[in-house]
C-alpha atoms as a PDB file:
ATOM      1  CA  MET A   1     129.336  79.831 159.069  1.00  0.00           C
ATOM      2  CA  ASP A   2     131.487  77.589 156.682  1.00  0.00           C
ATOM      3  CA  ASN A   3     128.105  76.009 154.439  1.00  0.00           C
ATOM      4  CA  ARG A   4     126.947  79.549 154.644  1.00  0.00           C
ATOM      5  CA  ARG A   5     129.941  81.078 152.422  1.00  0.00           C
ATOM      6  CA  LYS A   6     130.454  77.932 150.579  1.00  0.00           C
ATOM      7  CA  GLN A   7     127.060  78.554 149.203  1.00  0.00           C
ATOM      8  CA  ILE A   8     127.584  82.135 148.446  1.00  0.00           C
ATOM      9  CA  LYS A   9     130.810  81.227 146.541  1.00  0.00           C
ATOM     10  CA  LYS A  10     128.888  79.057 144.648  1.00  0.00           C
ATOM     11  CA  ARG A  11     126.425  81.447 143.913  1.00  0.00           C
ATOM     12  CA  ILE A  12     128.838  83.596 142.665  1.00  0.00           C
ATOM     13  CA  GLU A  13     130.867  81.479 140.783  1.00  0.00           C
ATOM     14  CA  LYS A  14     127.590  80.493 138.921  1.00  0.00           C
ATOM     15  CA  ARG A  15     126.801  84.017 138.157  1.00  0.00           C
ATOM     16  CA  LYS A  16     130.276  84.401 136.438  1.00  0.00           C
ATOM     17  CA  GLN A  17     129.911  81.547 134.635  1.00  0.00           C
ATOM     18  CA  LEU A  18     126.521  82.496 132.895  1.00  0.00           C
ATOM     19  CA  ASN A  19     127.862  85.932 132.229  1.00  0.00           C
ATOM     20  CA  ARG A  20     130.919  84.341 130.444  1.00  0.00           C
ATOM     21  CA  ASN A  21     128.754  82.087 128.306  1.00  0.00           C
ATOM     22  CA  LYS A  22     126.698  85.360 127.677  1.00  0.00           C
ATOM     23  CA  LYS A  23     129.619  87.161 126.304  1.00  0.00           C
ATOM     24  CA  ARG A  24     130.608  83.967 124.359  1.00  0.00           C
ATOM     25  CA  GLN A  25     127.076  83.984 122.437  1.00  0.00           C
ATOM     26  CA  ILE A  26     127.067  87.529 121.625  1.00  0.00           C
ATOM     27  CA  LYS A  27     130.499  87.351 120.019  1.00  0.00           C
ATOM     28  CA  LYS A  28     129.366  84.379 117.910  1.00  0.00           C
ATOM     29  CA  GLY A  29     126.364  86.490 116.696  1.00  0.00           C
ATOM     30  CA  ARG A  30     123.882  84.605 119.011  1.00  0.00           C
ATOM     31  CA  GLU A  31     122.292  87.379 121.532  1.00  0.00           C
ATOM     32  CA  THR A  32     120.458  85.345 124.462  1.00  0.00           C
ATOM     33  CA  TYR A  33     117.056  86.397 125.769  1.00  0.00           C
ATOM     34  CA  PHE A  34     115.219  85.272 128.692  1.00  0.00           C
ATOM     35  CA  PRO A  35     111.332  86.544 129.067  1.00  0.00           C
ATOM     36  CA  TYR A  36     110.716  89.473 131.665  1.00  0.00           C
ATOM     37  CA  THR A  37     110.235  87.630 135.307  1.00  0.00           C
ATOM     38  CA  GLU A  38     112.023  88.744 138.183  1.00  0.00           C
ATOM     39  CA  TYR A  39     114.298  85.230 139.755  1.00  0.00           C
ATOM     40  CA  GLN A  40     115.695  84.590 142.879  1.00  0.00           C
ATOM     41  CA  ASP A  41     118.019  82.257 142.171  1.00  0.00           C
ATOM     42  CA  PRO A  42     120.305  82.613 138.638  1.00  0.00           C
ATOM     43  CA  GLU A  43     119.691  78.824 138.146  1.00  0.00           C
ATOM     44  CA  GLN A  44     116.137  79.587 137.637  1.00  0.00           C
ATOM     45  CA  ILE A  45     116.724  81.905 134.543  1.00  0.00           C
ATOM     46  CA  PRO A  46     115.662  80.028 131.562  1.00  0.00           C
ATOM     47  CA  TRP A  47     117.992  80.926 128.835  1.00  0.00           C
ATOM     48  CA  VAL A  48     117.083  80.593 125.246  1.00  0.00           C
ATOM     49  CA  SER A  49     119.455  80.900 122.545  1.00  0.00           C
ATOM     50  CA  LEU A  50     118.533  82.049 118.706  1.00  0.00           C
ATOM     51  CA  GLU A  51     120.603  78.931 117.464  1.00  0.00           C
ATOM     52  CA  GLY A  52     117.929  76.623 119.211  1.00  0.00           C
ATOM     53  CA  MET A  53     115.149  78.732 116.650  1.00  0.00           C
ATOM     54  CA  GLY A  54     117.139  77.438 113.559  1.00  0.00           C
ATOM     55  CA  ARG A  55     118.164  79.978 110.823  1.00  0.00           C
ATOM     56  CA  LYS A  56     115.307  80.047 109.251  1.00  0.00           C
ATOM     57  CA  GLY A  57     113.750  83.389 110.120  1.00  0.00           C
ATOM     58  CA  HIS A  58     110.159  84.234 111.103  1.00  0.00           C
ATOM     59  CA  PRO A  59     107.936  81.014 110.850  1.00  0.00           C
ATOM     60  CA  LEU A  60     105.372  83.499 109.161  1.00  0.00           C
ATOM     61  CA  PHE A  61     107.601  84.423 106.180  1.00  0.00           C
ATOM     62  CA  GLN A  62     108.530  82.028 103.970  1.00  0.00           C
ATOM     63  CA  LYS A  63     111.361  83.208 101.104  1.00  0.00           C
ATOM     64  CA  GLU A  64     110.194  80.435  98.569  1.00  0.00           C
ATOM     65  CA  VAL A  65     106.728  81.565  98.617  1.00  0.00           C
ATOM     66  CA  PHE A  66     107.652  85.467  98.404  1.00  0.00           C
ATOM     67  CA  LEU A  67     110.031  85.163  95.585  1.00  0.00           C
ATOM     68  CA  MET A  68     107.178  83.169  93.798  1.00  0.00           C
ATOM     69  CA  LYS A  69     104.971  86.219  94.018  1.00  0.00           C
ATOM     70  CA  VAL A  70     107.629  88.614  92.817  1.00  0.00           C
ATOM     71  CA  PHE A  71     108.100  86.164  89.802  1.00  0.00           C
ATOM     72  CA  LEU A  72     104.169  85.820  89.404  1.00  0.00           C
ATOM     73  CA  SER A  73     103.636  89.265  89.621  1.00  0.00           C
ATOM     74  CA  LEU A  74     106.765  90.144  86.801  1.00  0.00           C
ATOM     75  CA  CYS A  75     104.925  87.496  84.474  1.00  0.00           C
ATOM     76  CA  LEU A  76     102.025  89.356  84.717  1.00  0.00           C
ATOM     77  CA  VAL A  77     103.539  92.701  83.846  1.00  0.00           C
ATOM     78  CA  PHE A  78     105.526  91.477  81.329  1.00  0.00           C
ATOM     79  CA  ALA A  79     102.492  89.605  79.427  1.00  0.00           C
ATOM     80  CA  VAL A  80     100.306  92.769  79.718  1.00  0.00           C
ATOM     81  CA  ALA A  81     102.828  94.825  78.302  1.00  0.00           C
ATOM     82  CA  LEU A  82     103.552  92.563  75.462  1.00  0.00           C
ATOM     83  CA  LEU A  83      99.821  92.330  74.573  1.00  0.00           C
ATOM     84  CA  TYR A  84      99.860  96.185  74.091  1.00  0.00           C
ATOM     85  CA  LYS A  85     102.981  96.082  72.133  1.00  0.00           C
ATOM     86  CA  THR A  86     101.511  93.165  69.613  1.00  0.00           C
ATOM     87  CA  PRO A  87      99.656  95.151  66.696  1.00  0.00           C
ATOM     88  CA  VAL A  88      97.153  91.888  66.667  1.00  0.00           C
ATOM     89  CA  ASN A  89      93.591  92.507  66.062  1.00  0.00           C
ATOM     90  CA  THR A  90      92.536  89.584  67.335  1.00  0.00           C
ATOM     91  CA  LEU A  91      93.977  90.571  70.824  1.00  0.00           C
ATOM     92  CA  GLU A  92      91.698  93.792  70.812  1.00  0.00           C
ATOM     93  CA  PRO A  93      89.395  92.041  73.030  1.00  0.00           C
ATOM     94  CA  MET A  94      91.907  91.545  75.597  1.00  0.00           C
ATOM     95  CA  LYS A  95      93.140  94.980  75.425  1.00  0.00           C
ATOM     96  CA  ASN A  96      89.558  96.295  76.393  1.00  0.00           C
ATOM     97  CA  ILE A  97      89.313  94.065  79.080  1.00  0.00           C
ATOM     98  CA  VAL A  98      92.811  94.986  80.416  1.00  0.00           C
ATOM     99  CA  LYS A  99      91.885  98.820  80.130  1.00  0.00           C
ATOM    100  CA  GLN A 100      88.652  98.188  81.731  1.00  0.00           C
ATOM    101  CA  VAL A 101      89.898  96.302  84.599  1.00  0.00           C
ATOM    102  CA  MET A 102      92.857  98.973  85.528  1.00  0.00           C
ATOM    103  CA  GLU A 103      89.728 102.039  84.935  1.00  0.00           C
ATOM    104  CA  LYS A 104      87.012 101.112  86.977  1.00  0.00           C
ATOM    105  CA  ASP A 105      87.039 101.514  90.601  1.00  0.00           C
ATOM    106  CA  PHE A 106      87.141  98.578  93.069  1.00  0.00           C
ATOM    107  CA  GLN A 107      83.261  98.538  94.433  1.00  0.00           C
ATOM    108  CA  PHE A 108      84.939  98.926  98.700  1.00  0.00           C
ATOM    109  CA  ALA A 109      81.515 100.113  99.794  1.00  0.00           C
ATOM    110  CA  LYS A 110      79.785  97.358  98.041  1.00  0.00           C
ATOM    111  CA  VAL A 111      82.251  94.869  99.641  1.00  0.00           C
ATOM    112  CA  VAL A 112      81.809  96.171 103.304  1.00  0.00           C
ATOM    113  CA  SER A 113      78.036  95.876 102.986  1.00  0.00           C
ATOM    114  CA  TRP A 114      78.486  92.443 101.836  1.00  0.00           C
ATOM    115  CA  TYR A 115      80.150  91.814 104.850  1.00  0.00           C
ATOM    116  CA  GLU A 116      78.177  93.341 107.203  1.00  0.00           C
ATOM    117  CA  ASN A 117      75.032  91.613 105.970  1.00  0.00           C
ATOM    118  CA  THR A 118      76.720  88.185 106.211  1.00  0.00           C
ATOM    119  CA  PHE A 119      78.854  88.061 108.804  1.00  0.00           C
ATOM    120  CA  GLY A 120      77.591  91.375 111.206  1.00  0.00           C
ATOM    121  CA  HIS A 121      78.879  94.605 111.753  1.00  0.00           C
ATOM    122  CA  PRO A 122      82.904  94.318 112.961  1.00  0.00           C
ATOM    123  CA  LEU A 123      82.807  94.914 116.722  1.00  0.00           C
ATOM    124  CA  ALA A 124      79.251  95.577 117.301  1.00  0.00           C
ATOM    125  CA  LEU A 125      79.541  96.091 121.200  1.00  0.00           C
ATOM    126  CA  PHE A 126      76.795  97.861 120.893  1.00  0.00           C
ATOM    127  CA  PRO A 127      72.916  97.241 119.143  1.00  0.00           C
ATOM    128  CA  VAL A 128      72.548  99.758 115.845  1.00  0.00           C
ATOM    129  CA  ASP A 129      69.657 102.245 116.725  1.00  0.00           C
ATOM    130  CA  ASP A 130      67.003 102.858 114.677  1.00  0.00           C
ATOM    131  CA  GLN A 131      68.071 106.234 113.508  1.00  0.00           C
ATOM    132  CA  GLU A 132      71.205 104.364 112.164  1.00  0.00           C
ATOM    133  CA  ARG A 133      68.968 101.749 110.569  1.00  0.00           C
ATOM    134  CA  ARG A 134      66.665 104.901 108.526  1.00  0.00           C
ATOM    135  CA  ASN A 135      70.312 105.948 107.192  1.00  0.00           C
ATOM    136  CA  ARG A 136      71.378 102.421 105.984  1.00  0.00           C
ATOM    137  CA  SER A 137      67.953 101.838 104.544  1.00  0.00           C
ATOM    138  CA  GLY A 138      69.176 103.315 101.049  1.00  0.00           C
ATOM    139  CA  GLU A 139      67.378 106.657 101.150  1.00  0.00           C
ATOM    140  CA  PHE A 140      69.296 109.407 100.010  1.00  0.00           C
ATOM    141  CA  ALA A 141      69.185 112.806 102.563  1.00  0.00           C
ATOM    142  CA  LEU A 142      70.295 116.486 101.407  1.00  0.00           C
ATOM    143  CA  PRO A 143      73.820 117.052 102.105  1.00  0.00           C
ATOM    144  CA  ALA A 144      72.947 120.930 103.461  1.00  0.00           C
ATOM    145  CA  ASN A 145      70.189 123.031 103.102  1.00  0.00           C
ATOM    146  CA  GLY A 146      70.186 125.737 100.665  1.00  0.00           C
ATOM    147  CA  VAL A 147      68.915 126.460  97.420  1.00  0.00           C
ATOM    148  CA  ILE A 148      70.232 126.081  93.936  1.00  0.00           C
ATOM    149  CA  LEU A 149      72.490 128.182  92.087  1.00  0.00           C
ATOM    150  CA  GLU A 150      73.255 126.102  89.287  1.00  0.00           C
ATOM    151  CA  THR A 151      71.119 123.349  87.578  1.00  0.00           C
ATOM    152  CA  PHE A 152      72.390 120.053  86.179  1.00  0.00           C
ATOM    153  CA  HIS A 153      73.114 120.283  82.860  1.00  0.00           C
ATOM    154  CA  SER A 154      75.308 118.933  79.797  1.00  0.00           C
ATOM    155  CA  ASP A 155      78.100 121.079  80.928  1.00  0.00           C
ATOM    156  CA  HIS A 156      77.537 120.809  84.447  1.00  0.00           C
ATOM    157  CA  GLN A 157      77.383 117.412  85.787  1.00  0.00           C
ATOM    158  CA  GLY A 158      76.157 118.494  89.008  1.00  0.00           C
ATOM    159  CA  VAL A 159      74.217 120.848  90.981  1.00  0.00           C
ATOM    160  CA  THR A 160      75.811 123.936  93.141  1.00  0.00           C
ATOM    161  CA  PHE A 161      74.068 125.368  96.057  1.00  0.00           C
ATOM    162  CA  GLN A 162      74.372 128.079  98.172  1.00  0.00           C
ATOM    163  CA  THR A 163      73.869 128.040 101.619  1.00  0.00           C
ATOM    164  CA  GLU A 164      74.662 130.018 104.808  1.00  0.00           C
ATOM    165  CA  LYS A 165      78.204 130.833 105.976  1.00  0.00           C
ATOM    166  CA  ASN A 166      80.249 127.849 107.825  1.00  0.00           C
ATOM    167  CA  VAL A 167      77.539 125.182 106.957  1.00  0.00           C
ATOM    168  CA  GLN A 168      78.740 121.486 107.003  1.00  0.00           C
ATOM    169  CA  VAL A 169      78.472 119.534 104.444  1.00  0.00           C
ATOM    170  CA  THR A 170      76.700 115.703 105.214  1.00  0.00           C
ATOM    171  CA  ALA A 171      77.382 112.423 103.506  1.00  0.00           C
ATOM    172  CA  VAL A 172      73.739 111.613 101.971  1.00  0.00           C
ATOM    173  CA  GLN A 173      74.177 107.693 102.497  1.00  0.00           C
ATOM    174  CA  GLU A 174      76.664 105.514 103.965  1.00  0.00           C
ATOM    175  CA  GLY A 175      79.912 104.540 102.026  1.00  0.00           C
ATOM    176  CA  ILE A 176      83.616 104.553 101.222  1.00  0.00           C
ATOM    177  CA  VAL A 177      85.664 107.577 100.461  1.00  0.00           C
ATOM    178  CA  ILE A 178      87.224 106.757  97.461  1.00  0.00           C
ATOM    179  CA  PHE A 179      88.776 110.288  96.911  1.00  0.00           C
ATOM    180  CA  ALA A 180      89.389 113.643  99.062  1.00  0.00           C
ATOM    181  CA  GLY A 181      91.626 116.287  97.568  1.00  0.00           C
ATOM    182  CA  ILE A 182      91.646 119.053  94.850  1.00  0.00           C
ATOM    183  CA  LYS A 183      90.060 118.517  91.334  1.00  0.00           C
ATOM    184  CA  GLU A 184      90.442 120.949  88.697  1.00  0.00           C
ATOM    185  CA  ASP A 185      86.855 122.028  88.069  1.00  0.00           C
ATOM    186  CA  THR A 186      85.279 121.335  91.646  1.00  0.00           C
ATOM    187  CA  GLY A 187      88.280 122.458  93.724  1.00  0.00           C
ATOM    188  CA  LYS A 188      88.358 120.239  97.533  1.00  0.00           C
ATOM    189  CA  THR A 189      86.236 117.444  96.611  1.00  0.00           C
ATOM    190  CA  VAL A 190      84.986 114.505  98.182  1.00  0.00           C
ATOM    191  CA  VAL A 191      84.133 111.174  96.273  1.00  0.00           C
ATOM    192  CA  ILE A 192      82.066 108.374  98.291  1.00  0.00           C
ATOM    193  CA  GLN A 193      81.173 105.196  96.890  1.00  0.00           C
ATOM    194  CA  HIS A 194      77.883 103.821  98.192  1.00  0.00           C
ATOM    195  CA  PRO A 195      77.041  99.984  98.328  1.00  0.00           C
ATOM    196  CA  ASP A 196      74.850 100.086  95.254  1.00  0.00           C
ATOM    197  CA  THR A 197      78.008 101.306  93.334  1.00  0.00           C
ATOM    198  CA  THR A 198      76.610 104.949  93.094  1.00  0.00           C
ATOM    199  CA  GLU A 199      79.191 107.477  93.708  1.00  0.00           C
ATOM    200  CA  THR A 200      78.108 111.075  94.951  1.00  0.00           C
ATOM    201  CA  TRP A 201      80.528 113.945  94.796  1.00  0.00           C
ATOM    202  CA  TYR A 202      80.689 116.634  96.958  1.00  0.00           C
ATOM    203  CA  GLY A 203      83.072 119.540  95.327  1.00  0.00           C
ATOM    204  CA  LYS A 204      83.859 123.252  96.162  1.00  0.00           C
ATOM    205  CA  LEU A 205      84.252 122.668  99.533  1.00  0.00           C
ATOM    206  CA  GLY A 206      86.077 125.099 102.238  1.00  0.00           C
ATOM    207  CA  ASP A 207      87.584 122.236 104.363  1.00  0.00           C
ATOM    208  CA  ILE A 208      87.995 118.354 104.179  1.00  0.00           C
ATOM    209  CA  PHE A 209      87.138 116.583 107.263  1.00  0.00           C
ATOM    210  CA  VAL A 210      87.554 112.643 105.885  1.00  0.00           C
ATOM    211  CA  ARG A 211      90.418 111.019 103.859  1.00  0.00           C
ATOM    212  CA  THR A 212      90.536 108.374 101.416  1.00  0.00           C
ATOM    213  CA  TYR A 213      89.015 104.842 102.080  1.00  0.00           C
ATOM    214  CA  ASP A 214      87.233 106.475 105.495  1.00  0.00           C
ATOM    215  CA  SER A 215      84.107 104.550 106.107  1.00  0.00           C
ATOM    216  CA  ILE A 216      81.230 107.186 106.369  1.00  0.00           C
ATOM    217  CA  GLN A 217      77.486 106.897 107.416  1.00  0.00           C
ATOM    218  CA  ALA A 218      74.657 108.747 106.406  1.00  0.00           C
ATOM    219  CA  GLY A 219      74.680 112.525 107.764  1.00  0.00           C
ATOM    220  CA  GLU A 220      77.945 111.993 108.838  1.00  0.00           C
ATOM    221  CA  SER A 221      79.849 115.475 108.552  1.00  0.00           C
ATOM    222  CA  ILE A 222      82.776 115.229 105.407  1.00  0.00           C
ATOM    223  CA  GLY A 223      83.537 118.960 104.891  1.00  0.00           C
ATOM    224  CA  ILE A 224      82.086 122.772 105.183  1.00  0.00           C
ATOM    225  CA  VAL A 225      80.697 124.664 102.662  1.00  0.00           C
ATOM    226  CA  SER A 226      83.171 127.036 100.977  1.00  0.00           C
ATOM    227  CA  SER A 227      82.424 130.983 100.713  1.00  0.00           C
ATOM    228  CA  SER A 228      80.784 132.486  98.124  1.00  0.00           C
ATOM    229  CA  GLN A 229      81.834 135.493  95.826  1.00  0.00           C
ATOM    230  CA  THR A 230      79.827 137.914  98.073  1.00  0.00           C
ATOM    231  CA  LYS A 231      81.435 135.962 101.038  1.00  0.00           C
ATOM    232  CA  ASP A 232      77.974 136.700 103.209  1.00  0.00           C
ATOM    233  CA  ALA A 233      76.777 133.226 101.754  1.00  0.00           C
ATOM    234  CA  GLY A 234      78.250 129.913 101.487  1.00  0.00           C
ATOM    235  CA  GLU A 235      77.955 127.105  98.794  1.00  0.00           C
ATOM    236  CA  PHE A 236      79.239 123.903  97.249  1.00  0.00           C
ATOM    237  CA  TYR A 237      79.289 121.298  94.288  1.00  0.00           C
ATOM    238  CA  PHE A 238      76.933 118.007  94.262  1.00  0.00           C
ATOM    239  CA  ALA A 239      76.796 115.612  91.711  1.00  0.00           C
ATOM    240  CA  VAL A 240      75.752 111.884  91.371  1.00  0.00           C
ATOM    241  CA  LYS A 241      77.424 109.185  89.091  1.00  0.00           C
ATOM    242  CA  LYS A 242      75.604 106.315  88.436  1.00  0.00           C
ATOM    243  CA  ASP A 243      76.767 103.326  86.137  1.00  0.00           C
ATOM    244  CA  ASP A 244      79.757 105.473  84.927  1.00  0.00           C
ATOM    245  CA  ALA A 245      77.680 108.206  84.104  1.00  0.00           C
ATOM    246  CA  PHE A 246      76.163 111.296  85.826  1.00  0.00           C
ATOM    247  CA  VAL A 247      72.584 111.879  86.522  1.00  0.00           C
ATOM    248  CA  ASP A 248      70.726 114.716  87.635  1.00  0.00           C
ATOM    249  CA  PRO A 249      70.787 114.886  91.529  1.00  0.00           C
ATOM    250  CA  VAL A 250      67.095 115.961  91.533  1.00  0.00           C
ATOM    251  CA  GLN A 251      66.191 112.246  90.095  1.00  0.00           C
ATOM    252  CA  VAL A 252      67.228 110.557  93.755  1.00  0.00           C
ATOM    253  CA  ILE A 253      67.163 113.386  95.945  1.00  0.00           C
ATOM    254  CA  ASN A 254      64.618 115.097  97.004  1.00  0.00           C
ATOM    255  CA  ILE A 255      65.463 118.325  96.807  1.00  0.00           C
ATOM    256  CA  GLU A 256      62.864 121.599  97.912  1.00  0.00           C
END
């Protein structure tokens, strides 16, 4: 009986000592942690102090590398600003190169296509069916069934279609959404960039179903047509941009 009491007192004393040590470490700014595991005996608890981990911070974050990146970024910004502030004719070619780089959209769709062709489709848990393979073959499909209200010309860089009400507009080919919002001339608009660097524009939409940088498959719904002026039909705008210039969609899509 006495041995039992001694063991109980000994365990109680050990718990008190552990609590006192923990309070002292908290006061010194070194909170202690231990993994979530149930232990029958306090002696088995593997206390780990932040002091043992050192004061260098997270192992994936290196202060010196971060500061170097910030310094190089500032140097690049300063160099570009100095380039445009210097009125020297010999620097004009460099200015044009910088301007082209800043104005040209990054080819997201082309990079994604290269990745899939080289390494395969990400998380390809299921085989791609024949229909999806046909959609990826590069053939353009009509975004929605309708008749042409306004054709392509110098003042109208696309084609306006009239459809039935509440018709969904689909992507003509796979690609990446590089714009989803409102434009001055075409209202609610979605712009998709395709692997061959071609862009397709879908404007005058009643609603948009996608967001910028979404990956889109051919035939996937991206929005819904807007109501026409007579309210008994729908309409939408469609354009194709190739090599930084708009082309007649009839030349690349079979429109009947």
